[in-house]
Amino acid sequence: MSNIISRSELRHDPIQKRWVIIAADRSRRPDGFARPGRAEEDSAPCPFCPGNEEMTPPEVVALREGGGEPNGPGWSVRVVSNKYPALRIEGELTRRGVGMYDQVSGVGAHEVLIESPDHGRTVDELSLEQCSLIYSTLQERLIDLMRDERFKYVLLFKNHGASAGATLPHPHHQVIATPVTPKTVASELNSARLHYLGKERCLFCDIIAQETEGGERIVSMTDRFIAFAPYASRSPFELFVAPRFHQHSLTEASPDDIRGLAEIMKDLLGRIRAGLDGTPYNYVIHNAPNTETKPRRPSYWATIRHDYHWHIEIVPRTTQTAGFEWGTGFYINPTPPEEAAEYLRGIDPGGSDSDEEGA
């Protein structure tokens, strides 16, 4: 019997207690076995540029202020299914044992949000209005995917630069819905719940209050959001961004909150571009899991709105993970977060705030 799989599936590691997605479709990408850090190819037509819509799967959502036909030009933000998905939305969610191992069918969703028609401008270089459209569309995709009871978690993230995992240079975000809660998020949830049960306060709110009072690790702060270098930063210039008031999920954010998020992200990513010479970066938006699923532990989920606080983690790729980190789970950070914050505070983020059509 062949062990080769033709579709995605999730496999559980009983030692590390983590899930791994085995995604056969991903190996068929043009860059499937390319080495990380390769030069980005700009000579081939870009599937994310206006006029090349036929090169992508049909759009899931597109914003067209001036109207226009679906799957054609005239959009300001466009969401499509990933052509080489890690997980597929079609199919039944099944769980089974494989000897002592656990396996879940590769049901989920994998989407790409194309940030603007402009091939060369990323978040910090776009107008505040365009950035607000990006984050409001991400919020809408989160709300929509959470209506599906098969999905336990929806991750929103961005890879910027080839060495950060971006296989196409046209700026974009990705959205992946999974049928299990990732280990990283589960660990955050457990820590938040223990803190809340012991103190009846949100762990994240307590951290935000302490960082606000101290101030030495703060990089940027507005009336709605705070950004600081975490006390135990894993790498140089890592940033933690969160609402200053309690919200358990991005789904709760108001239009004013979304505009405030766009404002602080433009500022931070501009500082990273200007201060770190365009260093590639990743960022992830951590939300509470899908509360629309039928929980096995109702008492646990009942506290989520009080003990979990959505946030963003930004990690510039200034260092590489090597053998020690891989073998221990520890991180070696050569730049104290206090120094990183001080440096970034002194950077003029620059960037463009053009309101031209398509900006």
Protein backbone atom coordinates (compact mmCIF):
# COMPACT_ATOMS: atom_id res chain seq x y z
CA MET A 1 0.00 0.00 0.00
CA SER A 2 1.44 3.38 -1.00
CA ASN A 3 2.17 5.96 1.71
CA ILE A 4 2.05 8.83 -0.78
CA ILE A 5 -0.86 11.22 -0.17
CA SER A 6 -2.55 13.23 -2.88
CA ARG A 7 -4.37 15.69 -0.60
CA SER A 8 -3.61 17.55 2.59
CA GLU A 9 -3.93 15.98 6.00
CA LEU A 10 -3.00 16.90 9.55
CA ARG A 11 -0.81 14.58 11.61
CA HIS A 12 -0.26 14.83 15.36
CA ASP A 13 3.13 14.52 17.03
CA PRO A 14 2.45 12.74 20.36
CA ILE A 15 5.81 13.83 21.81
CA GLN A 16 5.73 17.57 21.12
CA LYS A 17 1.90 17.67 21.18
CA ARG A 18 1.76 19.63 17.93
CA TRP A 19 -0.02 19.21 14.62
CA VAL A 20 1.80 19.17 11.28
CA ILE A 21 0.06 19.80 7.94
CA ILE A 22 1.24 17.40 5.24
CA ALA A 23 0.30 19.41 2.13
CA ALA A 24 0.99 17.49 -1.05
CA ASP A 25 -0.40 20.25 -3.26
CA ARG A 26 2.21 22.71 -1.98
CA SER A 27 5.04 20.68 -3.50
CA ARG A 28 3.66 21.47 -6.94
CA ARG A 29 4.36 25.19 -6.58
CA PRO A 30 6.96 26.49 -9.04
CA ASP A 31 9.26 27.20 -6.11
CA GLY A 32 8.41 23.93 -4.38
CA PHE A 33 11.97 22.81 -3.67
CA ALA A 34 13.80 26.10 -4.07
CA ARG A 35 16.23 27.08 -1.37
CA PRO A 36 15.12 29.79 1.09
CA GLY A 37 16.55 33.22 0.41
CA ARG A 38 16.61 32.88 -3.36
CA ALA A 39 16.26 36.07 -5.40
CA GLU A 40 12.70 37.08 -6.21
CA GLU A 41 11.83 36.70 -9.87
CA ASP A 42 10.19 39.77 -11.38
CA SER A 43 10.58 38.83 -15.06
CA ALA A 44 7.51 36.56 -15.24
CA PRO A 45 3.99 38.07 -15.32
CA CYS A 46 2.68 38.70 -11.82
CA PRO A 47 -0.60 36.84 -11.14
CA PHE A 48 -1.55 39.47 -8.53
CA CYS A 49 -1.32 42.48 -10.84
CA PRO A 50 -4.41 43.99 -12.55
CA GLY A 51 -5.05 42.43 -15.94
CA ASN A 52 -3.73 39.04 -14.85
CA GLU A 53 -6.78 37.95 -12.87
CA GLU A 54 -7.16 34.80 -14.97
CA MET A 55 -3.85 33.57 -13.51
CA THR A 56 -5.42 33.15 -10.04
CA PRO A 57 -8.35 31.06 -8.82
CA PRO A 58 -11.70 32.92 -8.92
CA GLU A 59 -11.93 35.69 -6.38
CA VAL A 60 -13.60 35.11 -3.02
CA VAL A 61 -14.07 38.83 -2.32
CA ALA A 62 -13.07 41.97 -4.22
CA LEU A 63 -13.63 45.65 -3.45
CA ARG A 64 -14.52 47.65 -6.57
CA GLU A 65 -15.62 51.18 -5.77
CA GLY A 66 -16.22 52.02 -9.41
CA GLY A 67 -17.97 48.76 -10.23
CA GLY A 68 -16.67 46.32 -12.80
CA GLU A 69 -16.96 42.65 -13.63
CA PRO A 70 -15.80 39.97 -11.17
CA ASN A 71 -12.35 38.49 -11.82
CA GLY A 72 -11.29 41.50 -13.84
CA PRO A 73 -9.44 44.79 -13.24
CA GLY A 74 -10.82 47.72 -11.26
CA TRP A 75 -10.40 46.30 -7.74
CA SER A 76 -8.69 47.95 -4.80
CA VAL A 77 -8.38 44.83 -2.59
CA ARG A 78 -8.84 41.29 -3.87
CA VAL A 79 -9.08 37.93 -2.05
CA VAL A 80 -8.57 34.63 -3.90
CA SER A 81 -8.09 31.04 -2.86
CA ASN A 82 -4.44 30.01 -2.74
CA LYS A 83 -3.55 28.18 -5.96
CA TYR A 84 -1.43 25.73 -3.95
CA PRO A 85 -3.39 25.44 -0.69
CA ALA A 86 -2.13 23.94 2.54
CA LEU A 87 -5.75 22.97 3.31
CA ARG A 88 -8.88 22.77 1.15
CA ILE A 89 -12.36 23.98 2.04
CA GLU A 90 -14.06 21.08 0.27
CA GLY A 91 -14.63 17.81 2.06
CA GLU A 92 -15.81 16.28 5.29
CA LEU A 93 -13.90 16.74 8.52
CA THR A 94 -12.81 13.30 9.70
CA ARG A 95 -10.63 12.18 12.59
CA ARG A 96 -9.04 8.77 12.95
CA GLY A 97 -6.28 6.89 14.66
CA VAL A 98 -3.31 5.51 12.72
CA GLY A 99 -1.85 3.10 15.23
CA MET A 100 -0.79 5.29 18.13
CA TYR A 101 -0.94 8.44 15.97
CA ASP A 102 -3.85 10.80 15.26
CA GLN A 103 -4.84 12.07 11.84
CA VAL A 104 -7.37 14.70 10.71
CA SER A 105 -8.47 15.24 7.13
CA GLY A 106 -6.94 18.28 5.47
CA VAL A 107 -10.09 20.38 5.58
CA GLY A 108 -9.67 24.11 6.06
CA ALA A 109 -9.24 27.22 3.97
CA HIS A 110 -6.22 28.94 2.46
CA GLU A 111 -6.74 32.38 0.95
CA VAL A 112 -4.56 35.21 -0.32
CA LEU A 113 -5.47 38.87 0.19
CA ILE A 114 -3.85 41.06 -2.48
CA GLU A 115 -3.26 44.37 -0.74
CA SER A 116 -3.56 46.73 -3.70
CA PRO A 117 -3.17 46.83 -7.49
CA ASP A 118 0.28 48.39 -6.99
CA HIS A 119 2.99 45.75 -7.44
CA GLY A 120 5.70 47.69 -5.62
CA ARG A 121 4.08 49.25 -2.55
CA THR A 122 3.57 47.53 0.77
CA VAL A 123 1.45 48.50 3.79
CA ASP A 124 3.61 51.34 5.09
CA GLU A 125 3.77 52.96 1.64
CA LEU A 126 0.02 52.88 0.98
CA SER A 127 -2.54 55.47 2.00
CA LEU A 128 -4.24 55.15 5.38
CA GLU A 129 -7.53 54.60 3.56
CA GLN A 130 -6.10 51.71 1.54
CA CYS A 131 -4.55 50.15 4.64
CA SER A 132 -7.88 50.40 6.43
CA LEU A 133 -9.49 48.50 3.53
CA ILE A 134 -6.87 45.75 3.93
CA TYR A 135 -7.53 45.23 7.64
CA SER A 136 -11.31 45.55 7.34
CA THR A 137 -11.24 42.87 4.62
CA LEU A 138 -9.13 40.61 6.82
CA GLN A 139 -11.69 41.13 9.58
CA GLU A 140 -14.51 40.21 7.18
CA ARG A 141 -12.73 37.02 6.10
CA LEU A 142 -12.17 36.09 9.76
CA ILE A 143 -15.87 36.59 10.56
CA ASP A 144 -16.97 34.62 7.49
CA LEU A 145 -14.66 31.65 8.05
CA MET A 146 -15.60 31.43 11.72
CA ARG A 147 -19.16 30.67 10.64
CA ASP A 148 -17.90 27.26 9.52
CA GLU A 149 -18.06 24.88 12.50
CA ARG A 150 -15.37 22.67 10.97
CA PHE A 151 -12.74 25.34 11.60
CA LYS A 152 -11.28 25.68 15.09
CA TYR A 153 -8.87 28.51 14.30
CA VAL A 154 -8.22 31.17 11.65
CA LEU A 155 -4.72 32.64 11.32
CA LEU A 156 -4.13 35.93 9.50
CA PHE A 157 -0.51 36.60 8.56
CA LYS A 158 1.92 38.33 6.23
CA ASN A 159 5.29 37.21 4.86
CA HIS A 160 7.35 40.08 3.45
CA GLY A 161 10.50 39.21 1.52
CA ALA A 162 11.78 35.95 0.06
CA SER A 163 13.72 34.91 3.18
CA ALA A 164 10.54 35.43 5.21
CA GLY A 165 8.64 32.98 3.02
CA ALA A 166 7.02 35.27 0.43
CA THR A 167 7.06 33.38 -2.87
CA LEU A 168 5.66 36.32 -4.86
CA PRO A 169 6.88 39.92 -4.46
CA HIS A 170 3.47 41.57 -4.96
CA PRO A 171 2.45 42.53 -1.38
CA HIS A 172 -0.19 40.22 0.08
CA HIS A 173 -1.53 38.67 3.28
CA GLN A 174 -2.63 35.08 3.80
CA VAL A 175 -5.55 33.56 5.68
CA ILE A 176 -5.50 29.92 6.81
CA ALA A 177 -8.35 28.24 8.68
CA THR A 178 -7.52 24.98 10.46
CA PRO A 179 -9.64 22.21 12.01
CA VAL A 180 -7.45 22.22 15.14
CA THR A 181 -6.14 24.92 17.47
CA PRO A 182 -2.39 25.48 16.88
CA LYS A 183 -0.04 24.66 19.75
CA THR A 184 1.26 28.23 20.00
CA VAL A 185 -2.24 29.62 20.42
CA ALA A 186 -3.26 26.82 22.80
CA SER A 187 -0.28 27.70 25.01
CA GLU A 188 -1.33 31.37 25.04
CA LEU A 189 -4.89 30.39 25.88
CA ASN A 190 -3.79 28.21 28.80
CA SER A 191 -1.53 30.93 30.22
CA ALA A 192 -4.29 33.52 29.86
CA ARG A 193 -6.86 31.29 31.52
CA LEU A 194 -4.65 30.42 34.50
CA HIS A 195 -3.91 34.12 35.03
CA TYR A 196 -7.59 35.01 34.85
CA LEU A 197 -8.66 32.22 37.19
CA GLY A 198 -6.09 33.31 39.76
CA LYS A 199 -6.49 37.08 39.52
CA GLU A 200 -9.72 37.74 37.60
CA ARG A 201 -7.78 39.96 35.22
CA CYS A 202 -6.63 39.59 31.63
CA LEU A 203 -2.96 38.61 31.41
CA PHE A 204 -2.47 40.74 28.30
CA CYS A 205 -4.15 43.77 29.87
CA ASP A 206 -1.79 43.45 32.85
CA ILE A 207 1.25 43.31 30.53
CA ILE A 208 0.01 46.31 28.56
CA ALA A 209 -0.51 48.25 31.79
CA GLN A 210 3.03 47.48 32.97
CA GLU A 211 4.62 48.35 29.62
CA THR A 212 2.65 51.61 29.51
CA GLU A 213 3.80 52.54 33.00
CA GLY A 214 7.46 51.70 32.35
CA GLY A 215 7.66 52.97 28.79
CA GLU A 216 11.21 51.83 28.02
CA ARG A 217 10.11 49.13 25.59
CA ILE A 218 7.34 51.09 23.88
CA VAL A 219 7.94 51.89 20.21
CA SER A 220 4.61 53.51 19.35
CA MET A 221 1.34 54.22 21.15
CA THR A 222 -1.96 55.78 20.07
CA ASP A 223 -5.26 56.25 21.82
CA ARG A 224 -6.31 52.76 20.65
CA PHE A 225 -3.15 50.66 20.20
CA ILE A 226 0.23 50.03 21.79
CA ALA A 227 3.36 48.53 20.22
CA PHE A 228 6.35 47.46 22.29
CA ALA A 229 9.36 45.15 22.21
CA PRO A 230 8.42 42.17 24.42
CA TYR A 231 10.35 41.79 27.67
CA ALA A 232 11.52 38.32 26.53
CA SER A 233 11.90 39.10 22.82
CA ARG A 234 12.92 36.03 20.83
CA SER A 235 14.83 38.01 18.21
CA PRO A 236 16.06 41.56 17.60
CA PHE A 237 13.31 44.13 16.98
CA GLU A 238 10.42 41.74 17.63
CA LEU A 239 7.27 43.77 18.28
CA PHE A 240 4.00 43.08 20.09
CA VAL A 241 0.97 45.12 18.98
CA ALA A 242 -2.37 45.06 20.77
CA PRO A 243 -5.48 47.12 21.51
CA ARG A 244 -5.02 49.15 24.70
CA PHE A 245 -8.54 48.18 25.77
CA HIS A 246 -9.74 44.60 26.14
CA GLN A 247 -10.90 42.81 22.99
CA HIS A 248 -10.74 39.04 22.70
CA SER A 249 -10.83 38.96 18.88
CA LEU A 250 -10.34 41.15 15.83
CA THR A 251 -13.97 40.35 15.03
CA GLU A 252 -14.93 42.83 17.79
CA ALA A 253 -13.02 45.77 16.31
CA SER A 254 -15.07 48.80 15.25
CA PRO A 255 -14.38 50.77 12.03
CA ASP A 256 -12.49 53.31 14.15
CA ASP A 257 -10.44 50.48 15.67
CA ILE A 258 -9.61 49.19 12.18
CA ARG A 259 -8.46 52.64 11.09
CA GLY A 260 -6.37 52.88 14.27
CA LEU A 261 -4.83 49.47 13.50
CA ALA A 262 -3.95 50.61 9.98
CA GLU A 263 -2.38 53.77 11.41
CA ILE A 264 -0.07 52.01 13.86
CA MET A 265 0.87 49.22 11.43
CA LYS A 266 1.84 51.79 8.78
CA ASP A 267 3.99 53.49 11.41
CA LEU A 268 5.70 50.32 12.65
CA LEU A 269 6.35 48.75 9.25
CA GLY A 270 7.70 52.09 8.04
CA ARG A 271 10.14 52.14 10.96
CA ILE A 272 11.25 48.58 10.14
CA ARG A 273 11.75 49.43 6.45
CA ALA A 274 13.64 52.66 7.16
CA GLY A 275 15.54 51.58 10.25
CA LEU A 276 16.42 48.01 9.28
CA ASP A 277 17.18 48.64 5.60
CA GLY A 278 14.18 46.78 4.23
CA THR A 279 14.73 43.63 6.31
CA PRO A 280 12.20 40.89 5.49
CA TYR A 281 9.65 40.24 8.20
CA ASN A 282 6.69 38.13 9.22
CA TYR A 283 3.72 39.13 11.27
CA VAL A 284 0.81 37.11 12.58
CA ILE A 285 -2.52 38.18 14.04
CA HIS A 286 -3.43 36.00 17.02
CA ASN A 287 -7.15 35.74 17.76
CA ALA A 288 -9.25 33.67 20.11
CA PRO A 289 -10.29 30.33 18.56
CA ASN A 290 -13.61 29.89 16.84
CA THR A 291 -16.32 30.13 19.49
CA GLU A 292 -18.90 28.98 16.94
CA THR A 293 -17.60 25.41 17.19
CA LYS A 294 -19.24 23.04 19.64
CA PRO A 295 -16.82 22.98 22.58
CA ARG A 296 -16.00 19.91 24.57
CA ARG A 297 -15.29 22.01 27.66
CA PRO A 298 -18.02 24.67 27.94
CA SER A 299 -16.62 26.08 31.20
CA TYR A 300 -13.28 26.78 29.51
CA TRP A 301 -14.72 28.57 26.49
CA ALA A 302 -17.08 30.62 28.62
CA THR A 303 -14.10 32.61 29.96
CA ILE A 304 -12.42 33.30 26.60
CA ARG A 305 -14.03 36.71 26.12
CA HIS A 306 -12.53 37.79 29.44
CA ASP A 307 -9.10 36.14 29.53
CA TYR A 308 -7.84 36.28 25.91
CA HIS A 309 -6.74 39.47 24.13
CA TRP A 310 -6.06 39.53 20.39
CA HIS A 311 -2.69 40.86 19.28
CA ILE A 312 -0.09 40.97 16.50
CA GLU A 313 3.47 39.66 16.64
CA ILE A 314 5.95 41.20 14.18
CA VAL A 315 9.30 39.45 13.68
CA PRO A 316 11.93 41.05 11.41
CA ARG A 317 14.21 38.34 9.98
CA THR A 318 17.48 39.71 11.32
CA THR A 319 18.70 36.35 12.70
CA GLN A 320 18.38 32.69 11.75
CA THR A 321 17.10 29.80 13.82
CA ALA A 322 19.95 27.32 14.24
CA GLY A 323 20.71 24.06 16.03
CA PHE A 324 20.48 25.35 19.61
CA GLU A 325 17.08 26.94 19.06
CA TRP A 326 15.82 23.90 17.16
CA GLY A 327 17.03 21.49 19.83
CA THR A 328 15.93 23.37 22.94
CA GLY A 329 13.10 25.73 22.01
CA PHE A 330 15.18 28.55 23.52
CA TYR A 331 15.99 31.66 21.52
CA ILE A 332 19.23 33.64 21.62
CA ASN A 333 18.60 37.36 21.09
CA PRO A 334 21.74 39.55 20.77
CA THR A 335 19.78 42.83 21.01
CA PRO A 336 18.10 43.75 24.33
CA PRO A 337 14.47 44.78 23.69
CA GLU A 338 15.03 48.08 25.49
CA GLU A 339 17.75 49.00 22.98
CA ALA A 340 15.67 47.80 20.05
CA ALA A 341 12.71 49.94 21.17
CA GLU A 342 14.90 53.00 21.68
CA TYR A 343 16.37 52.60 18.20
CA LEU A 344 12.99 52.18 16.48
CA ARG A 345 11.50 55.12 18.38
CA GLY A 346 14.16 57.33 16.82
CA ILE A 347 13.38 56.25 13.25
CA ASP A 348 11.29 58.43 10.96
CA PRO A 349 8.91 55.90 9.37
CA GLY A 350 8.61 58.00 6.20
CA GLY A 351 6.51 56.15 3.61
CA SER A 352 3.84 57.51 1.32
CA ASP A 353 0.34 58.58 2.27
CA SER A 354 -0.89 59.05 -1.28
CA ASP A 355 -4.62 58.95 -1.90
CA GLU A 356 -4.26 58.30 -5.62
CA GLU A 357 -6.55 55.67 -7.08
CA GLY A 358 -5.08 52.22 -6.56
CA ALA A 359 -2.69 53.47 -3.86
